[in-house]
């Protein structure tokens, strides 16, 4: 049988995806998990070797290289890449280039369209408003599409509105991330977590200093290179100098307002109750918790950033709805899910790692490459942060049996379920579960359905043993490193950090 390969590479968090001709997603993996380099922009040879287990007869690339170079020239960046898709892939694939590119049909697509397809063609919707918001994709920073399937089942995308560089909600948030001493294009989720510790009383001032028209995401000036220490706007913000958490809180509030403005515009332009939200900005789960007031039905593919666009490019080649089952699409560690071993170590040590089955496609561990802990201990949060070498203010997520979620969390509108940790919810009993409760009383919830998965069986067994239907769930990695991928990684993690990793 023939298969389609999708590739995202050359800029941020490279990945590869394979779709069969009946629409099954047979593989999707991140390059960083193979190279051990966080957010690796280049395709690693070992990832391609795994991809080549399938016969590939068509390739889709997630953006147009000539437009990417044009964006670099316009923004004053250096290091231009080859101008053709075939040239880019030859430089990325190395020795495997001739095997994959020889007489193989090759297509490339607009960056934001690849985002849109990764979302819509994995969604349960037959039609939807598709909103893409990221830092920059070619020259696009915001796109609104009306997506639907025609009578032949082909996905059709009509772009009804957009915003272009240098006006970018994502670049603004990255500039703030840089301003408070974190790594832009990587630590934005840390900024989001820090925001809960600060005051947003200066948000209105920040909005007017940076946005000329927030309703369309329009900035006064380009912040692509960041906000310099001598920027005159800093003088109007005393909180910038004396409290980084306040800066984060104000930026978070401004970005939430900007996102809601775009969503209202999408609702007006596309008369639909269904929203597909994609692009790196859609990883802001605090902002996501407010979207249900506009759209009652929401789908965010669990890998909505650039790495997810390898799946989007393959989806555009395929053209129809994909068979979306779950996010366990990467490298496989053979063997039964080690439920009994995990329970034993939770009882003994309170904290345990697991590396079993297919790796998650996306930035969040969902039980197959996870560090797990009892959420009830007062010292658990600090202990896990110490293991992961993270800032002590950082929150952790609860994974809970789906049928129990409403007994423990006040889920926001639009997110009756949250299988991919895409929203925050108010914790009903924060004092009982301190390890998963953030300073603002919320948690980023993962609901685990009754799907027969190993992680589901673990939670069921844990509930029987402990009376608690949830576990603290965070990614099996150390800050600044990619998640564990294979058994060798798991052994290395166990030896280096002294945490048992069950497989």
Foldseek 3Di string as FASTA:
>chain_A
DEKEKFWFADPWFIKIWIADLVFATQFIDTQQQVVFFHRHRAHDQVRVVVVVVGHYQAYFYQAQLLLQQVLCVVVVHDDRADRGPLRNCCVRNPPCSCVRPPNHHYYYDFNVLLLQQLFPLADPDQWAWEWEAAQAGSFWGIWIWTWHADPVQFIDTDTDDTDTPPQHLHLVLQLLCVLLPHHGPPCSVVLLLLLLVADQPCLVVVCVQFAPDLLRSHGPDGQNVHQDPVRPSVVVPPCSVPPSNNSSNSSVVSSLVSVVSVLVVSCVRHVDLEYEYAEPVLQSQASVLPNLVRHQAYTYPQARYSSSSSVSRSSVVSRHRHDHDFQLRHDAADDAFPLVVVVVCCVVPQKAFEAHTGAGDHQWGQQNQKIKGAQQDPCVQVVVCVLQVHDSLGAFAKEFALVCDVVFWDGGRNPNAAQNLRHKTAGPCCNRGVRQAHPNRIGSYHHDYPPPGNRCVNLVVCCVVPVGSIITIGGCHHPSTGTNGYPVSQVVSCVPRVHHYHD
